[in-house]
Amino acid sequence: MLTFDYEERHGYDDIIDFPHHVSKTHPQMPAADRAAQFAPFAALTGHGEAVKETARLTGRRIDLDETVKADLDQKLSGILERLTPGEYPEVSVVYFVPDERKAGGMYKEISGCVKKLDEYRKELIFTDGTKVPVSEIIEIESQDIVVFP
């Protein structure tokens, strides 16, 4: 069995009691930077973000039946009839916003005054600049007409 004799000399006994060397030309590294040297290495860069993205939930688009579509068309026509220069109908619209990264999306509700209908792009444009695709609308509630000077 190997035994260790504390009395025997080791290779560093001659310098073990010297004071710690501090450079006069190089500043000491801050403790936070020294600690960063021993932080875990991120071998899978972006992996955490990918896991979060996968875990993020999206909703499914509701398929409307023909009677609901006809009702929405009727409400939209009524809004357009009330739309005159300087008078904008106030409405609340619930519409689907497709997710840019994965299947599905989410429903948003906007309340405001309708400025116009872009018939070419099929978008309802509000006075604040918000554009809502008519094909994504699932609910419309109309309030009063708001007069702008």
C-alpha atoms as a PDB file:
ATOM      1  CA  MET A   1       0.000   0.000   0.000  1.00  0.00           C
ATOM      2  CA  LEU A   2       1.203   3.474  -0.889  1.00  0.00           C
ATOM      3  CA  THR A   3       1.610   5.847   2.021  1.00  0.00           C
ATOM      4  CA  PHE A   4       2.140   9.558   1.895  1.00  0.00           C
ATOM      5  CA  ASP A   5       4.811  11.104   4.035  1.00  0.00           C
ATOM      6  CA  TYR A   6       4.011  14.745   4.867  1.00  0.00           C
ATOM      7  CA  GLU A   7       7.563  15.367   5.834  1.00  0.00           C
ATOM      8  CA  GLU A   8       8.965  14.648   2.393  1.00  0.00           C
ATOM      9  CA  ARG A   9       9.553  17.550   0.018  1.00  0.00           C
ATOM     10  CA  HIS A  10       7.408  18.205  -3.018  1.00  0.00           C
ATOM     11  CA  GLY A  11       8.195  19.941  -6.271  1.00  0.00           C
ATOM     12  CA  TYR A  12       6.552  23.250  -5.264  1.00  0.00           C
ATOM     13  CA  ASP A  13       7.695  23.558  -1.671  1.00  0.00           C
ATOM     14  CA  ASP A  14      10.204  26.212  -2.629  1.00  0.00           C
ATOM     15  CA  ILE A  15       7.553  28.628  -4.018  1.00  0.00           C
ATOM     16  CA  ILE A  16       4.408  27.690  -2.126  1.00  0.00           C
ATOM     17  CA  ASP A  17       4.707  30.526   0.383  1.00  0.00           C
ATOM     18  CA  PHE A  18       5.498  33.304  -2.110  1.00  0.00           C
ATOM     19  CA  PRO A  19       2.974  36.152  -2.424  1.00  0.00           C
ATOM     20  CA  HIS A  20       0.506  36.049  -5.333  1.00  0.00           C
ATOM     21  CA  HIS A  21       1.845  37.830  -8.412  1.00  0.00           C
ATOM     22  CA  VAL A  22      -0.144  40.868  -9.598  1.00  0.00           C
ATOM     23  CA  SER A  23       0.761  42.315 -12.999  1.00  0.00           C
ATOM     24  CA  LYS A  24       1.722  45.986 -13.148  1.00  0.00           C
ATOM     25  CA  THR A  25       0.865  46.260 -16.868  1.00  0.00           C
ATOM     26  CA  HIS A  26      -2.301  44.168 -17.253  1.00  0.00           C
ATOM     27  CA  PRO A  27      -5.455  44.996 -15.252  1.00  0.00           C
ATOM     28  CA  GLN A  28      -7.066  42.241 -13.235  1.00  0.00           C
ATOM     29  CA  MET A  29     -10.068  40.545 -14.820  1.00  0.00           C
ATOM     30  CA  PRO A  30     -13.387  41.371 -13.121  1.00  0.00           C
ATOM     31  CA  ALA A  31     -14.904  38.542 -11.087  1.00  0.00           C
ATOM     32  CA  ALA A  32     -17.957  38.346 -13.386  1.00  0.00           C
ATOM     33  CA  ASP A  33     -15.734  37.791 -16.423  1.00  0.00           C
ATOM     34  CA  ARG A  34     -13.723  35.174 -14.581  1.00  0.00           C
ATOM     35  CA  ALA A  35     -16.927  33.375 -13.656  1.00  0.00           C
ATOM     36  CA  ALA A  36     -18.072  33.474 -17.294  1.00  0.00           C
ATOM     37  CA  GLN A  37     -15.067  31.374 -18.252  1.00  0.00           C
ATOM     38  CA  PHE A  38     -16.551  28.501 -16.299  1.00  0.00           C
ATOM     39  CA  ALA A  39     -20.159  28.909 -17.510  1.00  0.00           C
ATOM     40  CA  PRO A  40     -21.642  25.971 -19.390  1.00  0.00           C
ATOM     41  CA  PHE A  41     -20.883  25.912 -23.076  1.00  0.00           C
ATOM     42  CA  ALA A  42     -23.955  26.347 -25.305  1.00  0.00           C
ATOM     43  CA  ALA A  43     -23.197  23.611 -27.805  1.00  0.00           C
ATOM     44  CA  LEU A  44     -26.719  23.735 -29.242  1.00  0.00           C
ATOM     45  CA  THR A  45     -27.082  27.406 -30.080  1.00  0.00           C
ATOM     46  CA  GLY A  46     -30.739  28.259 -30.607  1.00  0.00           C
ATOM     47  CA  HIS A  47     -31.993  25.010 -29.094  1.00  0.00           C
ATOM     48  CA  GLY A  48     -33.745  26.765 -26.203  1.00  0.00           C
ATOM     49  CA  GLU A  49     -35.568  29.094 -28.589  1.00  0.00           C
ATOM     50  CA  ALA A  50     -36.600  26.144 -30.765  1.00  0.00           C
ATOM     51  CA  VAL A  51     -38.053  24.356 -27.747  1.00  0.00           C
ATOM     52  CA  LYS A  52     -39.994  27.489 -26.733  1.00  0.00           C
ATOM     53  CA  GLU A  53     -41.305  27.896 -30.278  1.00  0.00           C
ATOM     54  CA  THR A  54     -42.474  24.282 -30.371  1.00  0.00           C
ATOM     55  CA  ALA A  55     -44.204  24.680 -27.008  1.00  0.00           C
ATOM     56  CA  ARG A  56     -45.985  27.894 -28.089  1.00  0.00           C
ATOM     57  CA  LEU A  57     -49.646  27.155 -28.682  1.00  0.00           C
ATOM     58  CA  THR A  58     -51.636  28.287 -31.684  1.00  0.00           C
ATOM     59  CA  GLY A  59     -55.357  28.026 -32.279  1.00  0.00           C
ATOM     60  CA  ARG A  60     -57.177  26.481 -35.190  1.00  0.00           C
ATOM     61  CA  ARG A  61     -59.130  28.479 -37.743  1.00  0.00           C
ATOM     62  CA  ILE A  62     -62.900  28.122 -37.380  1.00  0.00           C
ATOM     63  CA  ASP A  63     -64.661  27.027 -40.564  1.00  0.00           C
ATOM     64  CA  LEU A  64     -67.829  29.066 -40.964  1.00  0.00           C
ATOM     65  CA  ASP A  65     -70.971  27.568 -42.427  1.00  0.00           C
ATOM     66  CA  GLU A  66     -72.859  29.269 -45.268  1.00  0.00           C
ATOM     67  CA  THR A  67     -75.480  30.909 -43.039  1.00  0.00           C
ATOM     68  CA  VAL A  68     -72.815  32.618 -40.908  1.00  0.00           C
ATOM     69  CA  LYS A  69     -70.983  33.747 -44.050  1.00  0.00           C
ATOM     70  CA  ALA A  70     -74.232  35.184 -45.461  1.00  0.00           C
ATOM     71  CA  ASP A  71     -74.873  36.995 -42.151  1.00  0.00           C
ATOM     72  CA  LEU A  72     -71.339  38.479 -42.201  1.00  0.00           C
ATOM     73  CA  ASP A  73     -71.794  39.610 -45.819  1.00  0.00           C
ATOM     74  CA  GLN A  74     -75.066  41.309 -44.876  1.00  0.00           C
ATOM     75  CA  LYS A  75     -73.452  43.097 -41.905  1.00  0.00           C
ATOM     76  CA  LEU A  76     -70.508  44.161 -44.058  1.00  0.00           C
ATOM     77  CA  SER A  77     -72.872  45.544 -46.716  1.00  0.00           C
ATOM     78  CA  GLY A  78     -74.737  47.492 -44.033  1.00  0.00           C
ATOM     79  CA  ILE A  79     -71.455  48.995 -42.800  1.00  0.00           C
ATOM     80  CA  LEU A  80     -70.473  49.976 -46.335  1.00  0.00           C
ATOM     81  CA  GLU A  81     -73.850  51.654 -46.920  1.00  0.00           C
ATOM     82  CA  ARG A  82     -73.297  53.812 -43.818  1.00  0.00           C
ATOM     83  CA  LEU A  83     -69.777  54.715 -44.933  1.00  0.00           C
ATOM     84  CA  THR A  84     -69.707  58.296 -46.234  1.00  0.00           C
ATOM     85  CA  PRO A  85     -66.928  60.919 -46.323  1.00  0.00           C
ATOM     86  CA  GLY A  86     -66.385  62.199 -42.788  1.00  0.00           C
ATOM     87  CA  GLU A  87     -68.757  59.641 -41.235  1.00  0.00           C
ATOM     88  CA  TYR A  88     -67.283  56.320 -40.210  1.00  0.00           C
ATOM     89  CA  PRO A  89     -69.274  53.466 -38.676  1.00  0.00           C
ATOM     90  CA  GLU A  90     -67.888  52.183 -35.382  1.00  0.00           C
ATOM     91  CA  VAL A  91     -67.562  48.395 -35.338  1.00  0.00           C
ATOM     92  CA  SER A  92     -66.059  45.520 -33.389  1.00  0.00           C
ATOM     93  CA  VAL A  93     -64.542  42.774 -35.499  1.00  0.00           C
ATOM     94  CA  VAL A  94     -63.190  39.370 -34.470  1.00  0.00           C
ATOM     95  CA  TYR A  95     -60.764  37.965 -37.022  1.00  0.00           C
ATOM     96  CA  PHE A  96     -58.178  35.219 -37.413  1.00  0.00           C
ATOM     97  CA  VAL A  97     -54.467  36.072 -37.637  1.00  0.00           C
ATOM     98  CA  PRO A  98     -52.447  33.191 -39.124  1.00  0.00           C
ATOM     99  CA  ASP A  99     -49.182  32.397 -37.339  1.00  0.00           C
ATOM    100  CA  GLU A 100     -46.090  33.233 -39.386  1.00  0.00           C
ATOM    101  CA  ARG A 101     -44.026  30.290 -38.121  1.00  0.00           C
ATOM    102  CA  LYS A 102     -46.345  27.341 -37.607  1.00  0.00           C
ATOM    103  CA  ALA A 103     -49.779  25.993 -38.437  1.00  0.00           C
ATOM    104  CA  GLY A 104     -52.725  27.752 -36.844  1.00  0.00           C
ATOM    105  CA  GLY A 105     -52.889  31.227 -35.412  1.00  0.00           C
ATOM    106  CA  MET A 106     -54.973  33.267 -33.015  1.00  0.00           C
ATOM    107  CA  TYR A 107     -58.137  35.321 -32.970  1.00  0.00           C
ATOM    108  CA  LYS A 108     -58.001  39.048 -32.317  1.00  0.00           C
ATOM    109  CA  GLU A 109     -60.716  41.564 -31.659  1.00  0.00           C
ATOM    110  CA  ILE A 110     -60.512  45.148 -32.823  1.00  0.00           C
ATOM    111  CA  SER A 111     -62.933  47.955 -32.131  1.00  0.00           C
ATOM    112  CA  GLY A 112     -62.757  51.161 -34.082  1.00  0.00           C
ATOM    113  CA  CYS A 113     -64.107  53.206 -36.941  1.00  0.00           C
ATOM    114  CA  VAL A 114     -64.070  51.759 -40.450  1.00  0.00           C
ATOM    115  CA  LYS A 115     -62.515  54.163 -42.950  1.00  0.00           C
ATOM    116  CA  LYS A 116     -63.011  52.124 -46.116  1.00  0.00           C
ATOM    117  CA  LEU A 117     -63.088  48.728 -47.758  1.00  0.00           C
ATOM    118  CA  ASP A 118     -60.210  48.006 -50.121  1.00  0.00           C
ATOM    119  CA  GLU A 119     -62.099  45.948 -52.675  1.00  0.00           C
ATOM    120  CA  TYR A 120     -58.935  44.975 -54.571  1.00  0.00           C
ATOM    121  CA  ARG A 121     -57.150  43.530 -51.510  1.00  0.00           C
ATOM    122  CA  LYS A 122     -60.396  42.564 -49.769  1.00  0.00           C
ATOM    123  CA  GLU A 123     -59.405  44.356 -46.555  1.00  0.00           C
ATOM    124  CA  LEU A 124     -61.405  46.392 -44.091  1.00  0.00           C
ATOM    125  CA  ILE A 125     -59.333  49.484 -43.242  1.00  0.00           C
ATOM    126  CA  PHE A 126     -59.855  51.286 -39.948  1.00  0.00           C
ATOM    127  CA  THR A 127     -59.177  54.968 -39.250  1.00  0.00           C
ATOM    128  CA  ASP A 128     -56.096  54.014 -37.172  1.00  0.00           C
ATOM    129  CA  GLY A 129     -54.582  52.239 -40.215  1.00  0.00           C
ATOM    130  CA  THR A 130     -55.333  48.669 -39.091  1.00  0.00           C
ATOM    131  CA  LYS A 131     -56.133  46.370 -42.001  1.00  0.00           C
ATOM    132  CA  VAL A 132     -58.299  43.289 -41.499  1.00  0.00           C
ATOM    133  CA  PRO A 133     -58.684  40.710 -44.284  1.00  0.00           C
ATOM    134  CA  VAL A 134     -62.401  40.232 -44.929  1.00  0.00           C
ATOM    135  CA  SER A 135     -61.862  36.488 -45.455  1.00  0.00           C
ATOM    136  CA  GLU A 136     -60.570  36.127 -41.866  1.00  0.00           C
ATOM    137  CA  ILE A 137     -63.506  37.865 -40.141  1.00  0.00           C
ATOM    138  CA  ILE A 138     -65.745  35.588 -38.078  1.00  0.00           C
ATOM    139  CA  GLU A 139     -67.825  38.180 -36.215  1.00  0.00           C
ATOM    140  CA  ILE A 140     -68.937  41.781 -36.772  1.00  0.00           C
ATOM    141  CA  GLU A 141     -70.817  43.984 -34.348  1.00  0.00           C
ATOM    142  CA  SER A 142     -71.805  47.471 -35.453  1.00  0.00           C
ATOM    143  CA  GLN A 143     -72.239  50.427 -33.140  1.00  0.00           C
ATOM    144  CA  ASP A 144     -72.906  54.081 -33.966  1.00  0.00           C
ATOM    145  CA  ILE A 145     -71.602  56.282 -36.730  1.00  0.00           C
ATOM    146  CA  VAL A 146     -68.755  58.531 -35.621  1.00  0.00           C
ATOM    147  CA  VAL A 147     -68.452  61.886 -37.374  1.00  0.00           C
ATOM    148  CA  PHE A 148     -64.946  63.177 -38.086  1.00  0.00           C
ATOM    149  CA  PRO A 149     -64.388  66.806 -39.066  1.00  0.00           C
END
